[in-house]
Amino acid sequence: YQKVVTAPSNAVTPLIPAAQVLSQQLVQ
């Protein structure tokens, strides 16, 4: 459960806002 669920969800938490910031800047 740690490998499949907990660790990936924790890793994606900072990834999504970083993706939002970068994609928005590229659009601008």
PDB file of all heavy atoms in Angstrom:
ATOM      1  N   TYR A   1       0.837  -1.208   0.000  1.00  0.00           N
ATOM      2  CA  TYR A   1       0.000   0.000   0.000  1.00  0.00           C
ATOM      3  C   TYR A   1       0.870   1.256   0.000  1.00  0.00           C
ATOM      4  O   TYR A   1       0.558   2.234  -0.690  1.00  0.00           O
ATOM      5  CB  TYR A   1      -0.914  -0.012   1.224  1.00  0.00           C
ATOM      6  CG  TYR A   1      -2.022   1.007   1.166  1.00  0.00           C
ATOM      7  CD1 TYR A   1      -3.233   0.706   0.549  1.00  0.00           C
ATOM      8  CD2 TYR A   1      -1.858   2.274   1.721  1.00  0.00           C
ATOM      9  CE1 TYR A   1      -4.252   1.646   0.494  1.00  0.00           C
ATOM     10  CE2 TYR A   1      -2.880   3.214   1.664  1.00  0.00           C
ATOM     11  CZ  TYR A   1      -4.067   2.896   1.045  1.00  0.00           C
ATOM     12  OH  TYR A   1      -5.074   3.837   0.972  1.00  0.00           O
ATOM     13  N   GLN A   2       1.951   1.211   0.750  1.00  0.00           N
ATOM     14  CA  GLN A   2       2.881   2.336   0.777  1.00  0.00           C
ATOM     15  C   GLN A   2       3.481   2.574  -0.604  1.00  0.00           C
ATOM     16  O   GLN A   2       3.591   3.723  -1.056  1.00  0.00           O
ATOM     17  CB  GLN A   2       3.988   2.070   1.800  1.00  0.00           C
ATOM     18  CG  GLN A   2       5.167   3.025   1.761  1.00  0.00           C
ATOM     19  CD  GLN A   2       4.805   4.437   2.172  1.00  0.00           C
ATOM     20  OE1 GLN A   2       3.844   4.635   2.922  1.00  0.00           O
ATOM     21  NE2 GLN A   2       5.564   5.421   1.727  1.00  0.00           N
ATOM     22  N   LYS A   3       3.840   1.502  -1.284  1.00  0.00           N
ATOM     23  CA  LYS A   3       4.472   1.610  -2.601  1.00  0.00           C
ATOM     24  C   LYS A   3       3.488   2.056  -3.674  1.00  0.00           C
ATOM     25  O   LYS A   3       3.805   2.922  -4.497  1.00  0.00           O
ATOM     26  CB  LYS A   3       5.075   0.264  -3.009  1.00  0.00           C
ATOM     27  CG  LYS A   3       5.698   0.268  -4.407  1.00  0.00           C
ATOM     28  CD  LYS A   3       6.172  -1.115  -4.802  1.00  0.00           C
ATOM     29  CE  LYS A   3       6.880  -1.071  -6.157  1.00  0.00           C
ATOM     30  NZ  LYS A   3       6.000  -0.635  -7.269  1.00  0.00           N
ATOM     31  N   VAL A   4       2.296   1.491  -3.656  1.00  0.00           N
ATOM     32  CA  VAL A   4       1.343   1.707  -4.746  1.00  0.00           C
ATOM     33  C   VAL A   4       0.488   2.954  -4.542  1.00  0.00           C
ATOM     34  O   VAL A   4       0.172   3.662  -5.504  1.00  0.00           O
ATOM     35  CB  VAL A   4       0.432   0.469  -4.908  1.00  0.00           C
ATOM     36  CG1 VAL A   4      -0.644   0.713  -5.964  1.00  0.00           C
ATOM     37  CG2 VAL A   4       1.266  -0.753  -5.268  1.00  0.00           C
ATOM     38  N   VAL A   5       0.116   3.250  -3.293  1.00  0.00           N
ATOM     39  CA  VAL A   5      -0.834   4.325  -3.018  1.00  0.00           C
ATOM     40  C   VAL A   5      -0.180   5.531  -2.346  1.00  0.00           C
ATOM     41  O   VAL A   5      -0.192   6.646  -2.891  1.00  0.00           O
ATOM     42  CB  VAL A   5      -1.999   3.814  -2.150  1.00  0.00           C
ATOM     43  CG1 VAL A   5      -2.981   4.959  -1.860  1.00  0.00           C
ATOM     44  CG2 VAL A   5      -2.716   2.658  -2.838  1.00  0.00           C
ATOM     45  N   THR A   6       0.387   5.319  -1.169  1.00  0.00           N
ATOM     46  CA  THR A   6       0.858   6.447  -0.356  1.00  0.00           C
ATOM     47  C   THR A   6       1.997   7.214  -1.019  1.00  0.00           C
ATOM     48  O   THR A   6       1.940   8.439  -1.156  1.00  0.00           O
ATOM     49  CB  THR A   6       1.298   5.954   1.032  1.00  0.00           C
ATOM     50  OG1 THR A   6       0.227   5.232   1.642  1.00  0.00           O
ATOM     51  CG2 THR A   6       1.682   7.134   1.915  1.00  0.00           C
ATOM     52  N   ALA A   7       3.049   6.501  -1.412  1.00  0.00           N
ATOM     53  CA  ALA A   7       4.223   7.169  -1.985  1.00  0.00           C
ATOM     54  C   ALA A   7       3.897   7.910  -3.288  1.00  0.00           C
ATOM     55  O   ALA A   7       4.280   9.075  -3.440  1.00  0.00           O
ATOM     56  CB  ALA A   7       5.351   6.157  -2.191  1.00  0.00           C
ATOM     57  N   PRO A   8       3.200   7.295  -4.248  1.00  0.00           N
ATOM     58  CA  PRO A   8       2.872   8.028  -5.471  1.00  0.00           C
ATOM     59  C   PRO A   8       1.991   9.256  -5.235  1.00  0.00           C
ATOM     60  O   PRO A   8       2.213  10.300  -5.851  1.00  0.00           O
ATOM     61  CB  PRO A   8       2.133   6.983  -6.316  1.00  0.00           C
ATOM     62  CG  PRO A   8       2.649   5.680  -5.838  1.00  0.00           C
ATOM     63  CD  PRO A   8       2.849   5.861  -4.362  1.00  0.00           C
ATOM     64  N   SER A   9       0.997   9.140  -4.360  1.00  0.00           N
ATOM     65  CA  SER A   9       0.132  10.300  -4.104  1.00  0.00           C
ATOM     66  C   SER A   9       0.909  11.432  -3.453  1.00  0.00           C
ATOM     67  O   SER A   9       0.685  12.607  -3.762  1.00  0.00           O
ATOM     68  CB  SER A   9      -1.055   9.900  -3.224  1.00  0.00           C
ATOM     69  OG  SER A   9      -0.624   9.434  -1.961  1.00  0.00           O
ATOM     70  N   ASN A  10       1.854  11.090  -2.576  1.00  0.00           N
ATOM     71  CA  ASN A  10       2.700  12.117  -1.959  1.00  0.00           C
ATOM     72  C   ASN A  10       3.616  12.769  -2.987  1.00  0.00           C
ATOM     73  O   ASN A  10       3.894  13.973  -2.918  1.00  0.00           O
ATOM     74  CB  ASN A  10       3.533  11.516  -0.835  1.00  0.00           C
ATOM     75  CG  ASN A  10       2.705  11.155   0.386  1.00  0.00           C
ATOM     76  OD1 ASN A  10       1.584  11.635   0.549  1.00  0.00           O
ATOM     77  ND2 ASN A  10       3.240  10.304   1.238  1.00  0.00           N
ATOM     78  N   ALA A  11       4.090  11.972  -3.947  1.00  0.00           N
ATOM     79  CA  ALA A  11       4.996  12.502  -4.966  1.00  0.00           C
ATOM     80  C   ALA A  11       4.271  13.403  -5.959  1.00  0.00           C
ATOM     81  O   ALA A  11       4.836  14.370  -6.470  1.00  0.00           O
ATOM     82  CB  ALA A  11       5.676  11.349  -5.704  1.00  0.00           C
ATOM     83  N   VAL A  12       3.016  13.106  -6.234  1.00  0.00           N
ATOM     84  CA  VAL A  12       2.244  13.891  -7.201  1.00  0.00           C
ATOM     85  C   VAL A  12       1.774  15.223  -6.594  1.00  0.00           C
ATOM     86  O   VAL A  12       1.523  16.189  -7.316  1.00  0.00           O
ATOM     87  CB  VAL A  12       1.039  13.066  -7.706  1.00  0.00           C
ATOM     88  CG1 VAL A  12       0.060  13.936  -8.487  1.00  0.00           C
ATOM     89  CG2 VAL A  12       1.524  11.923  -8.579  1.00  0.00           C
ATOM     90  N   THR A  13       1.698  15.273  -5.278  1.00  0.00           N
ATOM     91  CA  THR A  13       1.219  16.492  -4.600  1.00  0.00           C
ATOM     92  C   THR A  13       2.003  17.739  -5.006  1.00  0.00           C
ATOM     93  O   THR A  13       1.402  18.762  -5.345  1.00  0.00           O
ATOM     94  CB  THR A  13       1.246  16.306  -3.069  1.00  0.00           C
ATOM     95  OG1 THR A  13       0.361  15.235  -2.712  1.00  0.00           O
ATOM     96  CG2 THR A  13       0.824  17.575  -2.359  1.00  0.00           C
ATOM     97  N   PRO A  14       3.356  17.723  -5.010  1.00  0.00           N
ATOM     98  CA  PRO A  14       4.087  18.909  -5.475  1.00  0.00           C
ATOM     99  C   PRO A  14       4.218  18.988  -6.994  1.00  0.00           C
ATOM    100  O   PRO A  14       4.532  20.055  -7.532  1.00  0.00           O
ATOM    101  CB  PRO A  14       5.468  18.747  -4.827  1.00  0.00           C
ATOM    102  CG  PRO A  14       5.645  17.270  -4.714  1.00  0.00           C
ATOM    103  CD  PRO A  14       4.271  16.719  -4.430  1.00  0.00           C
ATOM    104  N   LEU A  15       3.975  17.880  -7.686  1.00  0.00           N
ATOM    105  CA  LEU A  15       4.133  17.868  -9.139  1.00  0.00           C
ATOM    106  C   LEU A  15       3.046  18.677  -9.837  1.00  0.00           C
ATOM    107  O   LEU A  15       3.331  19.438 -10.774  1.00  0.00           O
ATOM    108  CB  LEU A  15       4.128  16.420  -9.643  1.00  0.00           C
ATOM    109  CG  LEU A  15       4.117  16.229 -11.164  1.00  0.00           C
ATOM    110  CD1 LEU A  15       5.357  16.854 -11.799  1.00  0.00           C
ATOM    111  CD2 LEU A  15       4.021  14.736 -11.505  1.00  0.00           C
ATOM    112  N   ILE A  16       1.819  18.530  -9.410  1.00  0.00           N
ATOM    113  CA  ILE A  16       0.707  19.192 -10.094  1.00  0.00           C
ATOM    114  C   ILE A  16       0.809  20.714 -10.047  1.00  0.00           C
ATOM    115  O   ILE A  16       0.673  21.378 -11.084  1.00  0.00           O
ATOM    116  CB  ILE A  16      -0.639  18.697  -9.533  1.00  0.00           C
ATOM    117  CG1 ILE A  16      -0.819  17.214  -9.855  1.00  0.00           C
ATOM    118  CG2 ILE A  16      -1.795  19.514 -10.106  1.00  0.00           C
ATOM    119  CD1 ILE A  16      -2.071  16.593  -9.286  1.00  0.00           C
ATOM    120  N   PRO A  17       1.055  21.328  -8.886  1.00  0.00           N
ATOM    121  CA  PRO A  17       1.196  22.794  -8.893  1.00  0.00           C
ATOM    122  C   PRO A  17       2.389  23.267  -9.720  1.00  0.00           C
ATOM    123  O   PRO A  17       2.330  24.328 -10.346  1.00  0.00           O
ATOM    124  CB  PRO A  17       1.359  23.156  -7.416  1.00  0.00           C
ATOM    125  CG  PRO A  17       1.708  21.888  -6.727  1.00  0.00           C
ATOM    126  CD  PRO A  17       1.070  20.791  -7.510  1.00  0.00           C
ATOM    127  N   ALA A  18       3.476  22.492  -9.732  1.00  0.00           N
ATOM    128  CA  ALA A  18       4.628  22.852 -10.556  1.00  0.00           C
ATOM    129  C   ALA A  18       4.249  22.809 -12.031  1.00  0.00           C
ATOM    130  O   ALA A  18       4.673  23.663 -12.826  1.00  0.00           O
ATOM    131  CB  ALA A  18       5.798  21.907 -10.274  1.00  0.00           C
ATOM    132  N   ALA A  19       3.440  21.828 -12.403  1.00  0.00           N
ATOM    133  CA  ALA A  19       2.970  21.721 -13.791  1.00  0.00           C
ATOM    134  C   ALA A  19       2.032  22.873 -14.132  1.00  0.00           C
ATOM    135  O   ALA A  19       2.068  23.407 -15.251  1.00  0.00           O
ATOM    136  CB  ALA A  19       2.258  20.387 -13.986  1.00  0.00           C
ATOM    137  N   GLN A  20       1.198  23.272 -13.194  1.00  0.00           N
ATOM    138  CA  GLN A  20       0.275  24.382 -13.430  1.00  0.00           C
ATOM    139  C   GLN A  20       1.018  25.697 -13.652  1.00  0.00           C
ATOM    140  O   GLN A  20       0.692  26.467 -14.557  1.00  0.00           O
ATOM    141  CB  GLN A  20      -0.696  24.517 -12.244  1.00  0.00           C
ATOM    142  CG  GLN A  20      -1.712  23.393 -12.145  1.00  0.00           C
ATOM    143  CD  GLN A  20      -2.568  23.488 -10.893  1.00  0.00           C
ATOM    144  OE1 GLN A  20      -2.048  23.656  -9.788  1.00  0.00           O
ATOM    145  NE2 GLN A  20      -3.878  23.373 -11.041  1.00  0.00           N
ATOM    146  N   VAL A  21       2.022  25.954 -12.822  1.00  0.00           N
ATOM    147  CA  VAL A  21       2.793  27.192 -12.938  1.00  0.00           C
ATOM    148  C   VAL A  21       3.517  27.242 -14.279  1.00  0.00           C
ATOM    149  O   VAL A  21       3.479  28.261 -14.997  1.00  0.00           O
ATOM    150  CB  VAL A  21       3.800  27.308 -11.772  1.00  0.00           C
ATOM    151  CG1 VAL A  21       4.774  28.465 -12.022  1.00  0.00           C
ATOM    152  CG2 VAL A  21       3.070  27.524 -10.457  1.00  0.00           C
ATOM    153  N   LEU A  22       4.171  26.140 -14.641  1.00  0.00           N
ATOM    154  CA  LEU A  22       4.951  26.122 -15.884  1.00  0.00           C
ATOM    155  C   LEU A  22       4.052  26.245 -17.102  1.00  0.00           C
ATOM    156  O   LEU A  22       4.335  27.035 -18.017  1.00  0.00           O
ATOM    157  CB  LEU A  22       5.776  24.835 -15.952  1.00  0.00           C
ATOM    158  CG  LEU A  22       6.587  24.625 -17.239  1.00  0.00           C
ATOM    159  CD1 LEU A  22       7.566  25.777 -17.463  1.00  0.00           C
ATOM    160  CD2 LEU A  22       7.309  23.285 -17.203  1.00  0.00           C
ATOM    161  N   SER A  23       2.975  25.481 -17.151  1.00  0.00           N
ATOM    162  CA  SER A  23       2.092  25.522 -18.322  1.00  0.00           C
ATOM    163  C   SER A  23       1.440  26.891 -18.478  1.00  0.00           C
ATOM    164  O   SER A  23       1.287  27.394 -19.597  1.00  0.00           O
ATOM    165  CB  SER A  23       1.025  24.426 -18.220  1.00  0.00           C
ATOM    166  OG  SER A  23       0.257  24.557 -17.045  1.00  0.00           O
ATOM    167  N   GLN A  24       1.075  27.520 -17.377  1.00  0.00           N
ATOM    168  CA  GLN A  24       0.482  28.855 -17.441  1.00  0.00           C
ATOM    169  C   GLN A  24       1.471  29.874 -17.984  1.00  0.00           C
ATOM    170  O   GLN A  24       1.110  30.742 -18.800  1.00  0.00           O
ATOM    171  CB  GLN A  24      -0.003  29.286 -16.047  1.00  0.00           C
ATOM    172  CG  GLN A  24      -0.642  30.668 -16.010  1.00  0.00           C
ATOM    173  CD  GLN A  24      -1.877  30.762 -16.885  1.00  0.00           C
ATOM    174  OE1 GLN A  24      -2.665  29.816 -16.953  1.00  0.00           O
ATOM    175  NE2 GLN A  24      -2.052  31.893 -17.557  1.00  0.00           N
ATOM    176  N   GLN A  25       2.715  29.778 -17.552  1.00  0.00           N
ATOM    177  CA  GLN A  25       3.739  30.709 -18.029  1.00  0.00           C
ATOM    178  C   GLN A  25       4.007  30.514 -19.519  1.00  0.00           C
ATOM    179  O   GLN A  25       4.180  31.479 -20.262  1.00  0.00           O
ATOM    180  CB  GLN A  25       5.031  30.529 -17.226  1.00  0.00           C
ATOM    181  CG  GLN A  25       6.086  31.602 -17.485  1.00  0.00           C
ATOM    182  CD  GLN A  25       5.656  32.965 -16.968  1.00  0.00           C
ATOM    183  OE1 GLN A  25       4.801  33.067 -16.080  1.00  0.00           O
ATOM    184  NE2 GLN A  25       6.231  34.022 -17.507  1.00  0.00           N
ATOM    185  N   LEU A  26       4.019  29.279 -19.952  1.00  0.00           N
ATOM    186  CA  LEU A  26       4.231  28.989 -21.371  1.00  0.00           C
ATOM    187  C   LEU A  26       3.087  29.549 -22.210  1.00  0.00           C
ATOM    188  O   LEU A  26       3.305  30.069 -23.318  1.00  0.00           O
ATOM    189  CB  LEU A  26       4.357  27.478 -21.588  1.00  0.00           C
ATOM    190  CG  LEU A  26       5.632  26.823 -21.061  1.00  0.00           C
ATOM    191  CD1 LEU A  26       5.514  25.306 -21.130  1.00  0.00           C
ATOM    192  CD2 LEU A  26       6.854  27.288 -21.849  1.00  0.00           C
ATOM    193  N   VAL A  27       1.867  29.446 -21.698  1.00  0.00           N
ATOM    194  CA  VAL A  27       0.707  30.007 -22.404  1.00  0.00           C
ATOM    195  C   VAL A  27       0.839  31.525 -22.505  1.00  0.00           C
ATOM    196  O   VAL A  27       0.552  32.119 -23.560  1.00  0.00           O
ATOM    197  CB  VAL A  27      -0.603  29.631 -21.671  1.00  0.00           C
ATOM    198  CG1 VAL A  27      -1.780  30.444 -22.241  1.00  0.00           C
ATOM    199  CG2 VAL A  27      -0.881  28.142 -21.823  1.00  0.00           C
ATOM    200  N   GLN A  28       1.288  32.171 -21.449  1.00  0.00           N
ATOM    201  CA  GLN A  28       1.441  33.623 -21.463  1.00  0.00           C
ATOM    202  C   GLN A  28       2.476  34.061 -22.495  1.00  0.00           C
ATOM    203  O   GLN A  28       2.277  35.071 -23.185  1.00  0.00           O
ATOM    204  CB  GLN A  28       1.840  34.115 -20.071  1.00  0.00           C
ATOM    205  CG  GLN A  28       0.723  34.000 -19.036  1.00  0.00           C
ATOM    206  CD  GLN A  28       1.149  34.480 -17.668  1.00  0.00           C
ATOM    207  OE1 GLN A  28       2.280  34.932 -17.472  1.00  0.00           O
ATOM    208  NE2 GLN A  28       0.257  34.377 -16.692  1.00  0.00           N
TER     209      GLN A  28
END
